[in-house]
Protein backbone atom coordinates (compact mmCIF):
# COMPACT_ATOMS: atom_id res chain seq x y z
CA MET A 1 0.00 0.00 0.00
CA LYS A 2 1.41 3.38 -1.02
CA THR A 3 2.14 5.92 1.71
CA GLU A 4 -0.43 8.45 0.49
CA THR A 5 -3.09 5.75 0.29
CA LEU A 6 -2.34 4.60 3.83
CA ALA A 7 -2.53 8.18 5.12
CA ALA A 8 -5.86 8.80 3.39
CA LEU A 9 -7.21 5.50 4.70
CA ARG A 10 -6.23 6.41 8.26
CA ASP A 11 -8.02 9.75 7.89
CA ALA A 12 -11.14 8.01 6.58
CA ARG A 13 -11.18 5.53 9.43
CA ALA A 14 -10.67 8.31 11.99
CA ALA A 15 -13.63 10.16 10.47
CA GLY A 16 -15.80 7.01 10.42
CA THR A 17 -16.15 7.16 6.63
CA ALA A 18 -16.31 4.09 4.43
CA ALA A 19 -13.43 3.68 2.00
CA VAL A 20 -12.52 1.30 -0.80
CA ARG A 21 -9.03 0.54 -2.08
CA PHE A 22 -8.49 -0.55 -5.68
CA VAL A 23 -5.36 -2.30 -6.92
CA ARG A 24 -4.83 -3.31 -10.54
CA LEU A 25 -3.24 -6.72 -10.32
CA ALA A 26 -1.13 -6.38 -13.47
CA ASP A 27 0.94 -3.39 -12.38
CA GLY A 28 -0.08 -2.39 -8.85
CA ALA A 29 -1.72 0.89 -9.87
CA GLU A 30 -4.13 1.88 -7.11
CA ALA A 31 -6.70 4.33 -5.91
CA LEU A 32 -8.59 4.97 -2.68
CA LEU A 33 -12.25 5.99 -2.79
CA VAL A 34 -13.45 7.72 0.37
CA GLY A 35 -17.19 8.22 0.26
CA ASP A 36 -17.69 9.37 -3.33
CA THR A 37 -14.32 11.08 -3.63
CA VAL A 38 -11.05 9.67 -4.94
CA ALA A 39 -8.67 10.50 -2.09
CA SER A 40 -5.45 9.11 -3.52
CA GLY A 41 -3.95 7.13 -6.35
CA THR A 42 -3.92 7.32 -10.14
CA LEU A 43 -6.13 4.39 -11.13
CA ALA A 44 -9.17 5.65 -13.04
CA LEU A 45 -12.47 4.54 -11.51
CA ASP A 46 -15.17 3.78 -14.06
CA ALA A 47 -18.78 2.76 -13.44
CA THR A 48 -17.81 -0.92 -13.21
CA LEU A 49 -15.33 -0.28 -10.40
CA ARG A 50 -17.69 2.03 -8.52
CA ALA A 51 -20.41 -0.62 -8.70
CA ALA A 52 -17.90 -3.21 -7.46
CA ALA A 53 -17.03 -0.86 -4.60
CA ALA A 54 -20.67 -0.54 -3.56
CA SER A 55 -21.07 -4.32 -3.63
CA ALA A 56 -17.89 -4.87 -1.60
CA LEU A 57 -19.04 -2.38 1.06
CA ARG A 58 -22.42 -4.12 1.37
CA SER A 59 -20.84 -7.54 1.77
CA ASP A 60 -17.77 -6.46 3.78
CA ARG A 61 -15.72 -8.68 1.47
CA GLY A 62 -13.06 -7.99 -1.12
CA THR A 63 -13.63 -8.95 -4.73
CA VAL A 64 -11.86 -8.95 -8.08
CA ALA A 65 -13.45 -6.82 -10.83
CA GLU A 66 -12.88 -7.43 -14.51
CA THR A 67 -12.13 -4.23 -16.45
CA PRO A 68 -10.85 -3.50 -19.98
CA ALA A 69 -7.50 -2.60 -18.40
CA GLY A 70 -7.29 -5.89 -16.49
CA GLN A 71 -8.33 -7.35 -13.16
CA VAL A 72 -8.65 -4.99 -10.19
CA PHE A 73 -8.78 -6.09 -6.57
CA VAL A 74 -11.47 -4.16 -4.68
CA GLU A 75 -10.97 -4.03 -0.89
CA PRO A 76 -13.58 -2.43 1.40
CA PHE A 77 -12.80 -0.62 4.65
CA ASN A 78 -16.04 -0.07 6.50
CA PRO A 79 -16.54 1.66 9.84
CA PRO A 80 -17.47 -0.84 12.55
CA LEU A 81 -21.03 -2.10 12.83
CA ARG A 82 -22.84 -0.71 15.86
CA LEU A 83 -26.14 -1.50 17.53
CA VAL A 84 -27.85 0.85 19.98
CA VAL A 85 -30.64 -0.86 21.90
CA VAL A 86 -32.99 1.34 23.91
CA GLY A 87 -34.47 -0.69 26.73
CA ALA A 88 -32.59 -3.11 28.98
CA VAL A 89 -35.38 -5.69 28.75
CA HIS A 90 -35.56 -9.46 28.33
CA ILE A 91 -35.41 -9.28 24.53
CA THR A 92 -32.27 -7.18 24.82
CA GLN A 93 -30.64 -9.87 26.95
CA GLY A 94 -30.90 -12.15 23.93
CA LEU A 95 -30.35 -9.59 21.18
CA ALA A 96 -27.27 -7.87 22.57
CA PRO A 97 -24.97 -10.92 22.85
CA MET A 98 -26.19 -12.32 19.53
CA ALA A 99 -25.44 -9.00 17.84
CA GLN A 100 -21.97 -9.00 19.40
CA MET A 101 -21.39 -12.46 17.92
CA ALA A 102 -22.48 -11.05 14.54
CA GLY A 103 -19.80 -8.36 14.75
CA TYR A 104 -21.68 -5.40 16.23
CA GLN A 105 -20.41 -3.05 18.91
CA VAL A 106 -23.45 -2.96 21.19
CA THR A 107 -24.60 -0.23 23.56
CA VAL A 108 -27.65 -0.76 25.76
CA VAL A 109 -29.40 2.47 26.73
CA ASP A 110 -31.83 2.68 29.65
CA PRO A 111 -32.03 5.39 32.32
CA ARG A 112 -33.53 2.82 34.69
CA GLN A 113 -30.36 1.71 36.43
CA ALA A 114 -32.00 -1.33 37.96
CA PHE A 115 -32.49 -2.64 34.43
CA ALA A 116 -29.25 -1.43 32.82
CA SER A 117 -26.93 -3.23 35.20
CA ALA A 118 -23.68 -5.08 34.71
CA GLU A 119 -25.25 -8.10 36.37
CA ARG A 120 -27.96 -8.32 33.69
CA PHE A 121 -25.61 -7.35 30.82
CA PRO A 122 -22.13 -8.60 31.69
CA GLY A 123 -19.38 -7.18 29.53
CA MET A 124 -21.80 -4.92 27.65
CA ALA A 125 -21.48 -1.15 27.12
CA LEU A 126 -24.29 0.49 29.11
CA SER A 127 -25.66 4.03 29.11
CA THR A 128 -28.07 5.30 31.76
CA ASP A 129 -28.53 8.65 30.01
CA TRP A 130 -31.94 9.53 28.67
CA PRO A 131 -32.26 8.04 25.19
CA ASP A 132 -32.18 11.34 23.29
CA GLU A 133 -29.00 12.36 25.11
CA ALA A 134 -27.46 8.92 24.59
CA LEU A 135 -28.23 8.96 20.85
CA GLU A 136 -26.85 12.46 20.55
CA ALA A 137 -23.58 11.33 22.12
CA LEU A 138 -23.38 8.05 20.18
CA ALA A 139 -24.03 9.84 16.85
CA PRO A 140 -25.39 6.93 14.76
CA ASP A 141 -23.81 6.64 11.33
CA ALA A 142 -24.61 4.58 8.23
CA ARG A 143 -23.23 1.46 9.94
CA THR A 144 -25.43 1.83 13.03
CA ALA A 145 -28.71 0.09 13.86
CA VAL A 146 -31.05 1.60 16.45
CA VAL A 147 -33.72 -0.57 18.06
CA THR A 148 -36.18 0.57 20.75
CA LEU A 149 -37.76 -2.10 22.94
CA THR A 150 -39.23 -0.39 26.00
CA HIS A 151 -42.89 0.03 24.89
CA ASP A 152 -42.69 3.38 26.71
CA PRO A 153 -43.11 6.43 24.44
CA LYS A 154 -41.19 8.57 26.95
CA LEU A 155 -38.10 6.46 26.21
CA ASP A 156 -38.68 5.12 22.70
CA ASP A 157 -39.89 8.29 20.97
CA PRO A 158 -36.90 10.53 21.79
CA ALA A 159 -34.54 7.79 20.62
CA LEU A 160 -36.46 7.28 17.37
CA ASP A 161 -36.57 11.04 16.82
CA ARG A 162 -32.76 11.23 17.02
CA ALA A 163 -32.29 8.05 14.98
CA LEU A 164 -34.43 9.41 12.13
CA ARG A 165 -32.26 12.51 12.04
CA SER A 166 -29.22 10.30 11.49
CA PRO A 167 -28.08 8.05 8.61
CA ALA A 168 -28.58 4.89 10.72
CA PHE A 169 -29.11 1.99 8.30
CA TYR A 170 -31.74 0.28 10.46
CA VAL A 171 -34.27 1.89 12.80
CA ALA A 172 -36.85 -0.33 14.48
CA ALA A 173 -39.32 -0.31 17.34
CA LEU A 174 -41.17 -3.06 19.17
CA GLY A 175 -44.94 -2.96 19.48
CA SER A 176 -48.18 -3.91 17.78
CA ARG A 177 -49.31 -2.36 14.52
CA LYS A 178 -51.80 -0.24 16.48
CA THR A 179 -49.03 0.93 18.78
CA HIS A 180 -46.84 1.66 15.77
CA ALA A 181 -49.57 3.73 14.09
CA ALA A 182 -49.85 5.91 17.19
CA ARG A 183 -46.06 6.17 17.32
CA LEU A 184 -45.93 7.42 13.73
CA GLU A 185 -48.48 10.12 14.56
CA ARG A 186 -46.38 11.34 17.47
CA LEU A 187 -43.16 11.37 15.43
CA GLY A 188 -44.94 13.11 12.58
CA ALA A 189 -45.90 15.84 15.01
CA LEU A 190 -42.17 16.27 15.70
CA GLY A 191 -41.61 17.14 12.06
CA HIS A 192 -40.78 13.82 10.41
CA ASP A 193 -42.28 13.39 6.96
CA ALA A 194 -43.67 10.21 5.41
CA ALA A 195 -40.33 9.22 3.88
CA ALA A 196 -38.58 9.49 7.24
CA LEU A 197 -41.30 7.59 9.08
CA ALA A 198 -41.16 4.81 6.48
CA ARG A 199 -37.60 4.10 7.65
CA ILE A 200 -38.91 2.71 10.93
CA HIS A 201 -39.35 -1.06 10.94
CA GLY A 202 -42.35 -1.63 13.13
CA PRO A 203 -43.10 -4.03 14.58
CA ALA A 204 -39.37 -4.76 14.71
CA GLY A 205 -38.15 -8.03 13.26
CA LEU A 206 -38.96 -10.35 10.38
CA PRO A 207 -42.39 -12.00 10.59
CA LEU A 208 -41.15 -15.38 11.81
CA GLY A 209 -44.00 -16.04 14.21
CA ALA A 210 -41.62 -15.35 17.12
CA ALA A 211 -43.22 -15.76 20.54
CA THR A 212 -40.51 -15.77 23.22
CA PRO A 213 -38.04 -12.96 23.96
CA ALA A 214 -35.20 -15.02 22.48
CA GLU A 215 -37.18 -15.72 19.29
CA ILE A 216 -38.06 -12.04 18.94
CA ALA A 217 -34.36 -11.22 19.34
CA VAL A 218 -33.58 -13.67 16.52
CA SER A 219 -36.17 -12.03 14.27
CA VAL A 220 -34.77 -8.55 14.94
CA LEU A 221 -31.20 -9.61 14.22
CA ALA A 222 -32.38 -11.39 11.07
CA GLU A 223 -34.10 -8.22 9.83
CA MET A 224 -31.05 -6.13 10.66
CA THR A 225 -28.92 -8.51 8.63
CA GLN A 226 -31.30 -8.43 5.69
CA VAL A 227 -31.40 -4.63 5.63
CA LEU A 228 -27.62 -4.45 5.91
CA ARG A 229 -26.80 -7.04 3.26
CA GLN A 230 -29.86 -6.82 0.98
CA PRO A 231 -31.14 -3.24 1.33
CA GLN A 232 -33.25 -3.62 -1.80
CA ARG A 233 -35.49 -6.09 0.06
CA GLY A 234 -36.05 -3.69 2.90
CA GLY A 235 -37.02 -6.15 5.62
CA SER A 236 -40.61 -6.47 6.82
């Protein structure tokens, strides 16, 4: 890796911005794409390579693209995956460790300290700030999922409000369809339009017929994975 490419990649990672490195296998010519901008290198990036970059970022896996000038290795550098769960409830006790196993950095947010305890969530990052303050500090990015599970509008709504003002790739809330309809009305009154409200997956999780807290946690993680890897399908 060339020095200027390494420096640009370090800057991108420090800024939490996705980057893609391209290396032509025949001669080592390279380029680094940070966001939509070529940050370093001399390799020309055509539509084929930009499409390969988007695919590599979605899959978190490198690939080799065929171009008229020869094969090009496409290597993604994504910010870490994060999950912010609002509500230190039984479902969270299943969801949080499963998400960690799937590669997420997990933070559980709940101002009720009796719920958000190290005994109930060993080894987990905990925040007892109010959800709007916690989300403001955590600053969800395009690699962050936000899930609210408290059933309490005083806790869920402020978190959803902040999440919808962010580029979080997955925003979801637990509750019945009736509960969700009322939630959308409240968030609409806060200024969110129909397009923003449509980002919320509610009820959270794929429709697997889940009944227990652990099964609901599985359905939520499954929907998160689908939205992350197959955004065109959109989840439930």
